[in-house]
Amino acid sequence: MKISPNNCSSCGGEFICEAKNSDNCWCIKLPAVMPMDSQQNCECPNCLSKSIAKRLQVYFSENKLSDVLQFAEKYKDKSIHEHIDYTIENGNYVFTEWYHLKRGECCDNGCRACPFVAD
C-alpha cells in the first residue's frame, strides 16, 4: 500500500502520517494530551511537538501536581522529543518541566524548569 504525504495543518509542510493505516504512527509515542477527532487535520512532527508542549503547560496549570505526576508516570521510560522534553538554547539541551515531571522527582541540580521547587 502506497502512503501519500499529508500537508501539515499548521505550517503546510509535507510529512507522512500513518495514523489511519497503522497503530504504529510516529505520533503515538508523544504524550496524549491533544484532543483528536475525525475532523482534525494532522500536524507535522515539529508543529505537533510544539502544540503538545503548549497544551502540556495548560494541563499543568489546570491540574494538581499529584495528578500531573500520575499522568506523566506512564511516559517515564519513553523517548524524549524536542519542544516537549527539551529545547536547545545556545547549543545546550534545556530540559522542560514535562521532562522533570516524567522523572518523578527532583535531581537537586537546580534546574530552571524544576516543578518540584519548594515555595
PDB file of N, CA and C in Angstrom:
ATOM      1  N   MET A   1       0.843  -1.179   0.000  1.00  0.00           N
ATOM      2  CA  MET A   1       0.000   0.000   0.000  1.00  0.00           C
ATOM      3  C   MET A   1       0.889   1.242   0.000  1.00  0.00           C
ATOM      4  N   LYS A   2       0.651   2.124  -0.934  1.00  0.00           N
ATOM      5  CA  LYS A   2       1.413   3.369  -1.039  1.00  0.00           C
ATOM      6  C   LYS A   2       0.849   4.395  -0.064  1.00  0.00           C
ATOM      7  N   ILE A   3       1.741   5.010   0.695  1.00  0.00           N
ATOM      8  CA  ILE A   3       1.339   6.041   1.650  1.00  0.00           C
ATOM      9  C   ILE A   3       1.669   7.387   1.036  1.00  0.00           C
ATOM     10  N   SER A   4       0.659   8.208   0.877  1.00  0.00           N
ATOM     11  CA  SER A   4       0.896   9.524   0.284  1.00  0.00           C
ATOM     12  C   SER A   4       1.129  10.551   1.386  1.00  0.00           C
ATOM     13  N   PRO A   5       1.936  11.566   1.095  1.00  0.00           N
ATOM     14  CA  PRO A   5       2.221  12.577   2.106  1.00  0.00           C
ATOM     15  C   PRO A   5       1.008  13.467   2.399  1.00  0.00           C
ATOM     16  N   ASN A   6       0.954  13.937   3.612  1.00  0.00           N
ATOM     17  CA  ASN A   6      -0.054  14.904   4.039  1.00  0.00           C
ATOM     18  C   ASN A   6       0.603  16.270   4.090  1.00  0.00           C
ATOM     19  N   ASN A   7      -0.210  17.292   4.192  1.00  0.00           N
ATOM     20  CA  ASN A   7       0.297  18.627   4.445  1.00  0.00           C
ATOM     21  C   ASN A   7      -0.079  19.013   5.866  1.00  0.00           C
ATOM     22  N   CYS A   8       0.884  19.556   6.571  1.00  0.00           N
ATOM     23  CA  CYS A   8       0.676  19.979   7.951  1.00  0.00           C
ATOM     24  C   CYS A   8      -0.366  21.091   7.989  1.00  0.00           C
ATOM     25  N   SER A   9      -1.321  20.966   8.899  1.00  0.00           N
ATOM     26  CA  SER A   9      -2.372  21.978   9.010  1.00  0.00           C
ATOM     27  C   SER A   9      -1.859  23.279   9.622  1.00  0.00           C
ATOM     28  N   SER A  10      -0.645  23.264  10.182  1.00  0.00           N
ATOM     29  CA  SER A  10      -0.079  24.489  10.766  1.00  0.00           C
ATOM     30  C   SER A  10       0.914  25.180   9.836  1.00  0.00           C
ATOM     31  N   CYS A  11       1.926  24.441   9.351  1.00  0.00           N
ATOM     32  CA  CYS A  11       2.973  25.079   8.542  1.00  0.00           C
ATOM     33  C   CYS A  11       2.843  24.797   7.053  1.00  0.00           C
ATOM     34  N   GLY A  12       2.001  23.815   6.678  1.00  0.00           N
ATOM     35  CA  GLY A  12       1.810  23.485   5.275  1.00  0.00           C
ATOM     36  C   GLY A  12       2.837  22.532   4.702  1.00  0.00           C
ATOM     37  N   GLY A  13       3.858  22.179   5.492  1.00  0.00           N
ATOM     38  CA  GLY A  13       4.893  21.271   5.015  1.00  0.00           C
ATOM     39  C   GLY A  13       4.375  19.849   4.846  1.00  0.00           C
ATOM     40  N   GLU A  14       5.037  19.097   3.968  1.00  0.00           N
ATOM     41  CA  GLU A  14       4.641  17.707   3.734  1.00  0.00           C
ATOM     42  C   GLU A  14       5.254  16.794   4.784  1.00  0.00           C
ATOM     43  N   PHE A  15       4.513  15.762   5.171  1.00  0.00           N
ATOM     44  CA  PHE A  15       5.002  14.742   6.077  1.00  0.00           C
ATOM     45  C   PHE A  15       4.167  13.489   5.879  1.00  0.00           C
ATOM     46  N   ILE A  16       4.645  12.386   6.388  1.00  0.00           N
ATOM     47  CA  ILE A  16       3.930  11.120   6.286  1.00  0.00           C
ATOM     48  C   ILE A  16       3.170  10.862   7.587  1.00  0.00           C
ATOM     49  N   CYS A  17       1.887  10.631   7.468  1.00  0.00           N
ATOM     50  CA  CYS A  17       1.043  10.280   8.609  1.00  0.00           C
ATOM     51  C   CYS A  17       0.501   8.881   8.363  1.00  0.00           C
ATOM     52  N   GLU A  18       0.747   7.992   9.308  1.00  0.00           N
ATOM     53  CA  GLU A  18       0.269   6.621   9.167  1.00  0.00           C
ATOM     54  C   GLU A  18      -0.813   6.273  10.183  1.00  0.00           C
ATOM     55  N   ALA A  19      -1.376   7.270  10.834  1.00  0.00           N
ATOM     56  CA  ALA A  19      -2.359   7.024  11.887  1.00  0.00           C
ATOM     57  C   ALA A  19      -3.579   6.261  11.386  1.00  0.00           C
ATOM     58  N   LYS A  20      -4.007   6.531  10.172  1.00  0.00           N
ATOM     59  CA  LYS A  20      -5.192   5.853   9.645  1.00  0.00           C
ATOM     60  C   LYS A  20      -4.861   4.473   9.094  1.00  0.00           C
ATOM     61  N   ASN A  21      -3.580   4.211   8.846  1.00  0.00           N
ATOM     62  CA  ASN A  21      -3.166   2.955   8.242  1.00  0.00           C
ATOM     63  C   ASN A  21      -2.497   1.996   9.224  1.00  0.00           C
ATOM     64  N   SER A  22      -2.211   2.476  10.427  1.00  0.00           N
ATOM     65  CA  SER A  22      -1.411   1.676  11.336  1.00  0.00           C
ATOM     66  C   SER A  22      -1.635   2.124  12.774  1.00  0.00           C
ATOM     67  N   ASP A  23      -1.323   1.249  13.695  1.00  0.00           N
ATOM     68  CA  ASP A  23      -1.334   1.615  15.117  1.00  0.00           C
ATOM     69  C   ASP A  23       0.069   2.027  15.555  1.00  0.00           C
ATOM     70  N   ASN A  24       0.960   2.216  14.606  1.00  0.00           N
ATOM     71  CA  ASN A  24       2.344   2.482  14.938  1.00  0.00           C
ATOM     72  C   ASN A  24       2.848   3.779  14.315  1.00  0.00           C
ATOM     73  N   CYS A  25       2.019   4.774  14.208  1.00  0.00           N
ATOM     74  CA  CYS A  25       2.444   6.059  13.659  1.00  0.00           C
ATOM     75  C   CYS A  25       3.410   6.730  14.640  1.00  0.00           C
ATOM     76  N   TRP A  26       4.305   7.568  14.149  1.00  0.00           N
ATOM     77  CA  TRP A  26       5.273   8.270  14.987  1.00  0.00           C
ATOM     78  C   TRP A  26       4.595   9.073  16.094  1.00  0.00           C
ATOM     79  N   CYS A  27       3.393   9.580  15.844  1.00  0.00           N
ATOM     80  CA  CYS A  27       2.731  10.446  16.827  1.00  0.00           C
ATOM     81  C   CYS A  27       2.223   9.672  18.050  1.00  0.00           C
ATOM     82  N   ILE A  28       2.114   8.356  17.959  1.00  0.00           N
ATOM     83  CA  ILE A  28       1.653   7.535  19.079  1.00  0.00           C
ATOM     84  C   ILE A  28       2.630   7.620  20.246  1.00  0.00           C
ATOM     85  N   LYS A  29       3.891   7.936  19.975  1.00  0.00           N
ATOM     86  CA  LYS A  29       4.916   7.994  21.017  1.00  0.00           C
ATOM     87  C   LYS A  29       4.877   9.295  21.818  1.00  0.00           C
ATOM     88  N   LEU A  30       4.102  10.270  21.369  1.00  0.00           N
ATOM     89  CA  LEU A  30       4.042  11.567  22.042  1.00  0.00           C
ATOM     90  C   LEU A  30       2.982  11.551  23.138  1.00  0.00           C
ATOM     91  N   PRO A  31       3.119  12.440  24.143  1.00  0.00           N
ATOM     92  CA  PRO A  31       2.111  12.480  25.212  1.00  0.00           C
ATOM     93  C   PRO A  31       0.712  12.745  24.664  1.00  0.00           C
ATOM     94  N   ALA A  32      -0.247  11.962  25.105  1.00  0.00           N
ATOM     95  CA  ALA A  32      -1.627  12.046  24.600  1.00  0.00           C
ATOM     96  C   ALA A  32      -2.406  13.114  25.357  1.00  0.00           C
ATOM     97  N   VAL A  33      -2.113  14.366  25.065  1.00  0.00           N
ATOM     98  CA  VAL A  33      -2.807  15.478  25.710  1.00  0.00           C
ATOM     99  C   VAL A  33      -3.625  16.303  24.739  1.00  0.00           C
ATOM    100  N   MET A  34      -3.532  15.985  23.466  1.00  0.00           N
ATOM    101  CA  MET A  34      -4.254  16.745  22.457  1.00  0.00           C
ATOM    102  C   MET A  34      -5.571  16.055  22.148  1.00  0.00           C
ATOM    103  N   PRO A  35      -6.674  16.786  22.186  1.00  0.00           N
ATOM    104  CA  PRO A  35      -7.937  16.167  21.755  1.00  0.00           C
ATOM    105  C   PRO A  35      -7.860  15.891  20.258  1.00  0.00           C
ATOM    106  N   MET A  36      -8.344  14.761  19.841  1.00  0.00           N
ATOM    107  CA  MET A  36      -8.282  14.387  18.422  1.00  0.00           C
ATOM    108  C   MET A  36      -9.647  13.899  17.996  1.00  0.00           C
ATOM    109  N   ASP A  37     -10.124  14.384  16.877  1.00  0.00           N
ATOM    110  CA  ASP A  37     -11.381  13.887  16.331  1.00  0.00           C
ATOM    111  C   ASP A  37     -11.200  13.635  14.846  1.00  0.00           C
ATOM    112  N   SER A  38     -12.163  13.039  14.242  1.00  0.00           N
ATOM    113  CA  SER A  38     -12.044  12.646  12.838  1.00  0.00           C
ATOM    114  C   SER A  38     -11.981  13.848  11.887  1.00  0.00           C
ATOM    115  N   GLN A  39     -12.362  15.030  12.348  1.00  0.00           N
ATOM    116  CA  GLN A  39     -12.327  16.223  11.510  1.00  0.00           C
ATOM    117  C   GLN A  39     -10.994  16.961  11.586  1.00  0.00           C
ATOM    118  N   GLN A  40     -10.162  16.611  12.565  1.00  0.00           N
ATOM    119  CA  GLN A  40      -8.913  17.316  12.782  1.00  0.00           C
ATOM    120  C   GLN A  40      -7.857  16.877  11.776  1.00  0.00           C
ATOM    121  N   ASN A  41      -7.128  17.828  11.248  1.00  0.00           N
ATOM    122  CA  ASN A  41      -6.029  17.528  10.348  1.00  0.00           C
ATOM    123  C   ASN A  41      -4.762  17.310  11.161  1.00  0.00           C
ATOM    124  N   CYS A  42      -3.898  16.454  10.660  1.00  0.00           N
ATOM    125  CA  CYS A  42      -2.641  16.162  11.338  1.00  0.00           C
ATOM    126  C   CYS A  42      -1.655  17.309  11.185  1.00  0.00           C
ATOM    127  N   GLU A  43      -0.705  17.345  12.107  1.00  0.00           N
ATOM    128  CA  GLU A  43       0.400  18.285  12.023  1.00  0.00           C
ATOM    129  C   GLU A  43       1.685  17.489  11.831  1.00  0.00           C
ATOM    130  N   CYS A  44       2.685  18.134  11.256  1.00  0.00           N
ATOM    131  CA  CYS A  44       3.992  17.505  11.081  1.00  0.00           C
ATOM    132  C   CYS A  44       4.629  17.291  12.458  1.00  0.00           C
ATOM    133  N   PRO A  45       5.668  16.478  12.553  1.00  0.00           N
ATOM    134  CA  PRO A  45       6.287  16.222  13.857  1.00  0.00           C
ATOM    135  C   PRO A  45       6.715  17.488  14.599  1.00  0.00           C
ATOM    136  N   ASN A  46       7.294  18.444  13.910  1.00  0.00           N
ATOM    137  CA  ASN A  46       7.744  19.667  14.564  1.00  0.00           C
ATOM    138  C   ASN A  46       6.574  20.486  15.110  1.00  0.00           C
ATOM    139  N   CYS A  47       5.562  20.710  14.292  1.00  0.00           N
ATOM    140  CA  CYS A  47       4.404  21.505  14.731  1.00  0.00           C
ATOM    141  C   CYS A  47       3.610  20.787  15.825  1.00  0.00           C
ATOM    142  N   LEU A  48       3.449  19.466  15.701  1.00  0.00           N
ATOM    143  CA  LEU A  48       2.712  18.727  16.721  1.00  0.00           C
ATOM    144  C   LEU A  48       3.450  18.760  18.050  1.00  0.00           C
ATOM    145  N   SER A  49       4.774  18.645  18.026  1.00  0.00           N
ATOM    146  CA  SER A  49       5.550  18.732  19.264  1.00  0.00           C
ATOM    147  C   SER A  49       5.361  20.090  19.936  1.00  0.00           C
ATOM    148  N   LYS A  50       5.364  21.150  19.154  1.00  0.00           N
ATOM    149  CA  LYS A  50       5.145  22.497  19.708  1.00  0.00           C
ATOM    150  C   LYS A  50       3.728  22.631  20.262  1.00  0.00           C
ATOM    151  N   SER A  51       2.735  22.078  19.558  1.00  0.00           N
ATOM    152  CA  SER A  51       1.339  22.131  20.032  1.00  0.00           C
ATOM    153  C   SER A  51       1.176  21.364  21.334  1.00  0.00           C
ATOM    154  N   ILE A  52       1.805  20.203  21.415  1.00  0.00           N
ATOM    155  CA  ILE A  52       1.720  19.405  22.644  1.00  0.00           C
ATOM    156  C   ILE A  52       2.406  20.120  23.797  1.00  0.00           C
ATOM    157  N   ALA A  53       3.547  20.740  23.550  1.00  0.00           N
ATOM    158  CA  ALA A  53       4.249  21.477  24.603  1.00  0.00           C
ATOM    159  C   ALA A  53       3.359  22.588  25.164  1.00  0.00           C
ATOM    160  N   LYS A  54       2.666  23.303  24.297  1.00  0.00           N
ATOM    161  CA  LYS A  54       1.746  24.353  24.759  1.00  0.00           C
ATOM    162  C   LYS A  54       0.587  23.757  25.547  1.00  0.00           C
ATOM    163  N   ARG A  55       0.036  22.650  25.061  1.00  0.00           N
ATOM    164  CA  ARG A  55      -1.089  22.005  25.737  1.00  0.00           C
ATOM    165  C   ARG A  55      -0.671  21.460  27.093  1.00  0.00           C
ATOM    166  N   LEU A  56       0.564  20.969  27.202  1.00  0.00           N
ATOM    167  CA  LEU A  56       1.056  20.496  28.494  1.00  0.00           C
ATOM    168  C   LEU A  56       1.100  21.630  29.511  1.00  0.00           C
ATOM    169  N   GLN A  57       1.503  22.812  29.080  1.00  0.00           N
ATOM    170  CA  GLN A  57       1.523  23.958  30.003  1.00  0.00           C
ATOM    171  C   GLN A  57       0.128  24.259  30.536  1.00  0.00           C
ATOM    172  N   VAL A  58      -0.870  24.179  29.674  1.00  0.00           N
ATOM    173  CA  VAL A  58      -2.258  24.379  30.106  1.00  0.00           C
ATOM    174  C   VAL A  58      -2.650  23.278  31.083  1.00  0.00           C
ATOM    175  N   TYR A  59      -2.306  22.043  30.751  1.00  0.00           N
ATOM    176  CA  TYR A  59      -2.623  20.898  31.614  1.00  0.00           C
ATOM    177  C   TYR A  59      -2.003  21.081  33.004  1.00  0.00           C
ATOM    178  N   PHE A  60      -0.743  21.545  33.065  1.00  0.00           N
ATOM    179  CA  PHE A  60      -0.087  21.764  34.349  1.00  0.00           C
ATOM    180  C   PHE A  60      -0.828  22.803  35.176  1.00  0.00           C
ATOM    181  N   SER A  61      -1.289  23.857  34.528  1.00  0.00           N
ATOM    182  CA  SER A  61      -1.954  24.948  35.251  1.00  0.00           C
ATOM    183  C   SER A  61      -3.355  24.575  35.719  1.00  0.00           C
ATOM    184  N   GLU A  62      -3.965  23.587  35.080  1.00  0.00           N
ATOM    185  CA  GLU A  62      -5.345  23.203  35.407  1.00  0.00           C
ATOM    186  C   GLU A  62      -5.446  22.006  36.347  1.00  0.00           C
ATOM    187  N   ASN A  63      -4.320  21.381  36.694  1.00  0.00           N
ATOM    188  CA  ASN A  63      -4.358  20.158  37.487  1.00  0.00           C
ATOM    189  C   ASN A  63      -3.379  20.217  38.653  1.00  0.00           C
ATOM    190  N   LYS A  64      -3.685  19.430  39.674  1.00  0.00           N
ATOM    191  CA  LYS A  64      -2.807  19.330  40.835  1.00  0.00           C
ATOM    192  C   LYS A  64      -1.537  18.574  40.439  1.00  0.00           C
ATOM    193  N   LEU A  65      -0.444  18.905  41.123  1.00  0.00           N
ATOM    194  CA  LEU A  65       0.830  18.259  40.844  1.00  0.00           C
ATOM    195  C   LEU A  65       0.713  16.738  40.951  1.00  0.00           C
ATOM    196  N   SER A  66      -0.009  16.244  41.933  1.00  0.00           N
ATOM    197  CA  SER A  66      -0.143  14.785  42.101  1.00  0.00           C
ATOM    198  C   SER A  66      -0.821  14.149  40.887  1.00  0.00           C
ATOM    199  N   ASP A  67      -1.808  14.825  40.301  1.00  0.00           N
ATOM    200  CA  ASP A  67      -2.481  14.296  39.112  1.00  0.00           C
ATOM    201  C   ASP A  67      -1.567  14.347  37.894  1.00  0.00           C
ATOM    202  N   VAL A  68      -0.800  15.426  37.770  1.00  0.00           N
ATOM    203  CA  VAL A  68       0.130  15.559  36.655  1.00  0.00           C
ATOM    204  C   VAL A  68       1.212  14.482  36.756  1.00  0.00           C
ATOM    205  N   LEU A  69       1.715  14.242  37.959  1.00  0.00           N
ATOM    206  CA  LEU A  69       2.732  13.208  38.155  1.00  0.00           C
ATOM    207  C   LEU A  69       2.196  11.825  37.792  1.00  0.00           C
ATOM    208  N   GLN A  70       0.956  11.570  38.143  1.00  0.00           N
ATOM    209  CA  GLN A  70       0.348  10.284  37.799  1.00  0.00           C
ATOM    210  C   GLN A  70       0.243  10.129  36.282  1.00  0.00           C
ATOM    211  N   PHE A  71      -0.156  11.182  35.588  1.00  0.00           N
ATOM    212  CA  PHE A  71      -0.236  11.155  34.126  1.00  0.00           C
ATOM    213  C   PHE A  71       1.156  10.976  33.516  1.00  0.00           C
ATOM    214  N   ALA A  72       2.140  11.704  34.029  1.00  0.00           N
ATOM    215  CA  ALA A  72       3.496  11.669  33.483  1.00  0.00           C
ATOM    216  C   ALA A  72       4.174  10.320  33.700  1.00  0.00           C
ATOM    217  N   GLU A  73       3.783   9.603  34.734  1.00  0.00           N
ATOM    218  CA  GLU A  73       4.408   8.321  35.074  1.00  0.00           C
ATOM    219  C   GLU A  73       4.430   7.350  33.896  1.00  0.00           C
ATOM    220  N   LYS A  74       3.370   7.316  33.122  1.00  0.00           N
ATOM    221  CA  LYS A  74       3.322   6.355  32.010  1.00  0.00           C
ATOM    222  C   LYS A  74       4.270   6.711  30.867  1.00  0.00           C
ATOM    223  N   TYR A  75       4.858   7.894  30.888  1.00  0.00           N
ATOM    224  CA  TYR A  75       5.816   8.312  29.864  1.00  0.00           C
ATOM    225  C   TYR A  75       7.253   8.301  30.393  1.00  0.00           C
ATOM    226  N   LYS A  76       7.449   7.818  31.600  1.00  0.00           N
ATOM    227  CA  LYS A  76       8.745   7.883  32.278  1.00  0.00           C
ATOM    228  C   LYS A  76       9.890   7.303  31.455  1.00  0.00           C
ATOM    229  N   ASP A  77       9.728   6.146  30.915  1.00  0.00           N
ATOM    230  CA  ASP A  77      10.808   5.490  30.187  1.00  0.00           C
ATOM    231  C   ASP A  77      10.675   5.617  28.676  1.00  0.00           C
ATOM    232  N   LYS A  78       9.923   6.584  28.220  1.00  0.00           N
ATOM    233  CA  LYS A  78       9.728   6.798  26.786  1.00  0.00           C
ATOM    234  C   LYS A  78      10.825   7.699  26.238  1.00  0.00           C
ATOM    235  N   SER A  79      10.923   7.744  24.934  1.00  0.00           N
ATOM    236  CA  SER A  79      11.926   8.595  24.294  1.00  0.00           C
ATOM    237  C   SER A  79      11.616  10.066  24.546  1.00  0.00           C
ATOM    238  N   ILE A  80      12.637  10.907  24.315  1.00  0.00           N
ATOM    239  CA  ILE A  80      12.439  12.341  24.519  1.00  0.00           C
ATOM    240  C   ILE A  80      12.289  13.030  23.166  1.00  0.00           C
ATOM    241  N   HIS A  81      11.562  14.154  23.172  1.00  0.00           N
ATOM    242  CA  HIS A  81      11.239  14.861  21.935  1.00  0.00           C
ATOM    243  C   HIS A  81      11.491  16.357  22.109  1.00  0.00           C
ATOM    244  N   GLU A  82      12.104  16.946  21.076  1.00  0.00           N
ATOM    245  CA  GLU A  82      12.348  18.384  21.112  1.00  0.00           C
ATOM    246  C   GLU A  82      11.030  19.132  21.245  1.00  0.00           C
ATOM    247  N   HIS A  83      11.046  20.206  21.973  1.00  0.00           N
ATOM    248  CA  HIS A  83       9.921  21.089  22.299  1.00  0.00           C
ATOM    249  C   HIS A  83       9.084  20.528  23.449  1.00  0.00           C
ATOM    250  N   ILE A  84       8.952  19.216  23.560  1.00  0.00           N
ATOM    251  CA  ILE A  84       8.156  18.612  24.632  1.00  0.00           C
ATOM    252  C   ILE A  84       9.033  18.347  25.850  1.00  0.00           C
ATOM    253  N   ASP A  85      10.147  17.661  25.653  1.00  0.00           N
ATOM    254  CA  ASP A  85      11.036  17.283  26.749  1.00  0.00           C
ATOM    255  C   ASP A  85      12.244  18.205  26.892  1.00  0.00           C
ATOM    256  N   TYR A  86      12.613  18.865  25.827  1.00  0.00           N
ATOM    257  CA  TYR A  86      13.773  19.751  25.874  1.00  0.00           C
ATOM    258  C   TYR A  86      13.680  20.793  24.766  1.00  0.00           C
ATOM    259  N   THR A  87      14.439  21.850  24.956  1.00  0.00           N
ATOM    260  CA  THR A  87      14.671  22.835  23.907  1.00  0.00           C
ATOM    261  C   THR A  87      16.189  22.949  23.768  1.00  0.00           C
ATOM    262  N   ILE A  88      16.622  23.549  22.703  1.00  0.00           N
ATOM    263  CA  ILE A  88      18.056  23.767  22.526  1.00  0.00           C
ATOM    264  C   ILE A  88      18.292  25.267  22.553  1.00  0.00           C
ATOM    265  N   GLU A  89      19.097  25.691  23.522  1.00  0.00           N
ATOM    266  CA  GLU A  89      19.417  27.107  23.697  1.00  0.00           C
ATOM    267  C   GLU A  89      20.929  27.274  23.667  1.00  0.00           C
ATOM    268  N   ASN A  90      21.418  28.062  22.741  1.00  0.00           N
ATOM    269  CA  ASN A  90      22.858  28.293  22.590  1.00  0.00           C
ATOM    270  C   ASN A  90      23.632  26.983  22.493  1.00  0.00           C
ATOM    271  N   GLY A  91      23.057  26.012  21.807  1.00  0.00           N
ATOM    272  CA  GLY A  91      23.717  24.725  21.619  1.00  0.00           C
ATOM    273  C   GLY A  91      23.585  23.762  22.792  1.00  0.00           C
ATOM    274  N   ASN A  92      22.878  24.172  23.834  1.00  0.00           N
ATOM    275  CA  ASN A  92      22.716  23.330  25.016  1.00  0.00           C
ATOM    276  C   ASN A  92      21.297  22.785  25.104  1.00  0.00           C
ATOM    277  N   TYR A  93      21.171  21.562  25.560  1.00  0.00           N
ATOM    278  CA  TYR A  93      19.859  20.976  25.811  1.00  0.00           C
ATOM    279  C   TYR A  93      19.343  21.516  27.135  1.00  0.00           C
ATOM    280  N   VAL A  94      18.121  22.049  27.127  1.00  0.00           N
ATOM    281  CA  VAL A  94      17.487  22.547  28.341  1.00  0.00           C
ATOM    282  C   VAL A  94      16.218  21.728  28.543  1.00  0.00           C
ATOM    283  N   PHE A  95      16.189  20.944  29.613  1.00  0.00           N
ATOM    284  CA  PHE A  95      15.042  20.081  29.857  1.00  0.00           C
ATOM    285  C   PHE A  95      13.848  20.892  30.339  1.00  0.00           C
ATOM    286  N   THR A  96      12.670  20.465  29.913  1.00  0.00           N
ATOM    287  CA  THR A  96      11.427  21.175  30.236  1.00  0.00           C
ATOM    288  C   THR A  96      10.815  20.653  31.528  1.00  0.00           C
ATOM    289  N   GLU A  97       9.811  21.338  31.972  1.00  0.00           N
ATOM    290  CA  GLU A  97       9.060  20.913  33.152  1.00  0.00           C
ATOM    291  C   GLU A  97       8.502  19.503  32.941  1.00  0.00           C
ATOM    292  N   TRP A  98       7.989  19.225  31.738  1.00  0.00           N
ATOM    293  CA  TRP A  98       7.448  17.897  31.426  1.00  0.00           C
ATOM    294  C   TRP A  98       8.503  16.813  31.620  1.00  0.00           C
ATOM    295  N   TYR A  99       9.708  17.054  31.147  1.00  0.00           N
ATOM    296  CA  TYR A  99      10.786  16.072  31.302  1.00  0.00           C
ATOM    297  C   TYR A  99      11.006  15.765  32.779  1.00  0.00           C
ATOM    298  N   HIS A 100      11.057  16.810  33.590  1.00  0.00           N
ATOM    299  CA  HIS A 100      11.274  16.616  35.029  1.00  0.00           C
ATOM    300  C   HIS A 100      10.092  15.891  35.683  1.00  0.00           C
ATOM    301  N   LEU A 101       8.894  16.198  35.248  1.00  0.00           N
ATOM    302  CA  LEU A 101       7.718  15.508  35.779  1.00  0.00           C
ATOM    303  C   LEU A 101       7.759  14.024  35.429  1.00  0.00           C
ATOM    304  N   LYS A 102       8.225  13.696  34.233  1.00  0.00           N
ATOM    305  CA  LYS A 102       8.362  12.289  33.844  1.00  0.00           C
ATOM    306  C   LYS A 102       9.367  11.568  34.743  1.00  0.00           C
ATOM    307  N   ARG A 103      10.410  12.276  35.149  1.00  0.00           N
ATOM    308  CA  ARG A 103      11.398  11.686  36.072  1.00  0.00           C
ATOM    309  C   ARG A 103      10.730  11.334  37.396  1.00  0.00           C
ATOM    310  N   GLY A 104       9.819  12.195  37.835  1.00  0.00           N
ATOM    311  CA  GLY A 104       9.060  11.926  39.049  1.00  0.00           C
ATOM    312  C   GLY A 104       9.642  12.474  40.329  1.00  0.00           C
ATOM    313  N   GLU A 105      10.830  13.018  40.256  1.00  0.00           N
ATOM    314  CA  GLU A 105      11.442  13.580  41.466  1.00  0.00           C
ATOM    315  C   GLU A 105      12.515  14.589  41.081  1.00  0.00           C
ATOM    316  N   CYS A 106      12.877  15.419  42.029  1.00  0.00           N
ATOM    317  CA  CYS A 106      13.900  16.439  41.815  1.00  0.00           C
ATOM    318  C   CYS A 106      15.276  15.773  41.793  1.00  0.00           C
ATOM    319  N   CYS A 107      16.143  16.245  40.907  1.00  0.00           N
ATOM    320  CA  CYS A 107      17.511  15.710  40.824  1.00  0.00           C
ATOM    321  C   CYS A 107      18.487  16.556  41.639  1.00  0.00           C
ATOM    322  N   ASP A 108      18.002  17.644  42.272  1.00  0.00           N
ATOM    323  CA  ASP A 108      18.815  18.538  43.107  1.00  0.00           C
ATOM    324  C   ASP A 108      19.952  19.218  42.344  1.00  0.00           C
ATOM    325  N   ASN A 109      19.750  19.470  41.061  1.00  0.00           N
ATOM    326  CA  ASN A 109      20.759  20.179  40.276  1.00  0.00           C
ATOM    327  C   ASN A 109      20.386  21.636  40.010  1.00  0.00           C
ATOM    328  N   GLY A 110      19.302  22.116  40.618  1.00  0.00           N
ATOM    329  CA  GLY A 110      18.883  23.499  40.443  1.00  0.00           C
ATOM    330  C   GLY A 110      18.382  23.817  39.042  1.00  0.00           C
ATOM    331  N   CYS A 111      17.712  22.866  38.420  1.00  0.00           N
ATOM    332  CA  CYS A 111      17.211  23.044  37.055  1.00  0.00           C
ATOM    333  C   CYS A 111      16.211  24.191  36.969  1.00  0.00           C
ATOM    334  N   ARG A 112      16.305  24.962  35.924  1.00  0.00           N
ATOM    335  CA  ARG A 112      15.440  26.122  35.710  1.00  0.00           C
ATOM    336  C   ARG A 112      13.973  25.742  35.653  1.00  0.00           C
ATOM    337  N   ALA A 113      13.632  24.609  35.054  1.00  0.00           N
ATOM    338  CA  ALA A 113      12.238  24.217  34.867  1.00  0.00           C
ATOM    339  C   ALA A 113      11.758  23.200  35.904  1.00  0.00           C
ATOM    340  N   CYS A 114      12.455  23.091  37.010  1.00  0.00           N
ATOM    341  CA  CYS A 114      12.092  22.105  38.029  1.00  0.00           C
ATOM    342  C   CYS A 114      10.713  22.396  38.606  1.00  0.00           C
ATOM    343  N   PRO A 115       9.770  21.442  38.495  1.00  0.00           N
ATOM    344  CA  PRO A 115       8.434  21.649  39.057  1.00  0.00           C
ATOM    345  C   PRO A 115       8.371  21.316  40.547  1.00  0.00           C
ATOM    346  N   PHE A 116       9.467  20.836  41.099  1.00  0.00           N
ATOM    347  CA  PHE A 116       9.489  20.381  42.498  1.00  0.00           C
ATOM    348  C   PHE A 116      10.084  21.406  43.433  1.00  0.00           C
ATOM    349  N   VAL A 117      10.366  22.607  42.943  1.00  0.00           N
ATOM    350  CA  VAL A 117      10.964  23.659  43.765  1.00  0.00           C
ATOM    351  C   VAL A 117       9.992  24.049  44.861  1.00  0.00           C
ATOM    352  N   ALA A 118      10.507  24.095  46.083  1.00  0.00           N
ATOM    353  CA  ALA A 118       9.667  24.488  47.234  1.00  0.00           C
ATOM    354  C   ALA A 118       9.386  25.980  47.178  1.00  0.00           C
ATOM    355  N   ASP A 119       8.178  26.347  47.600  1.00  0.00           N
ATOM    356  CA  ASP A 119       7.795  27.780  47.625  1.00  0.00           C
ATOM    357  C   ASP A 119       8.531  28.532  48.705  1.00  0.00           C
TER     358      ASP A 119
END
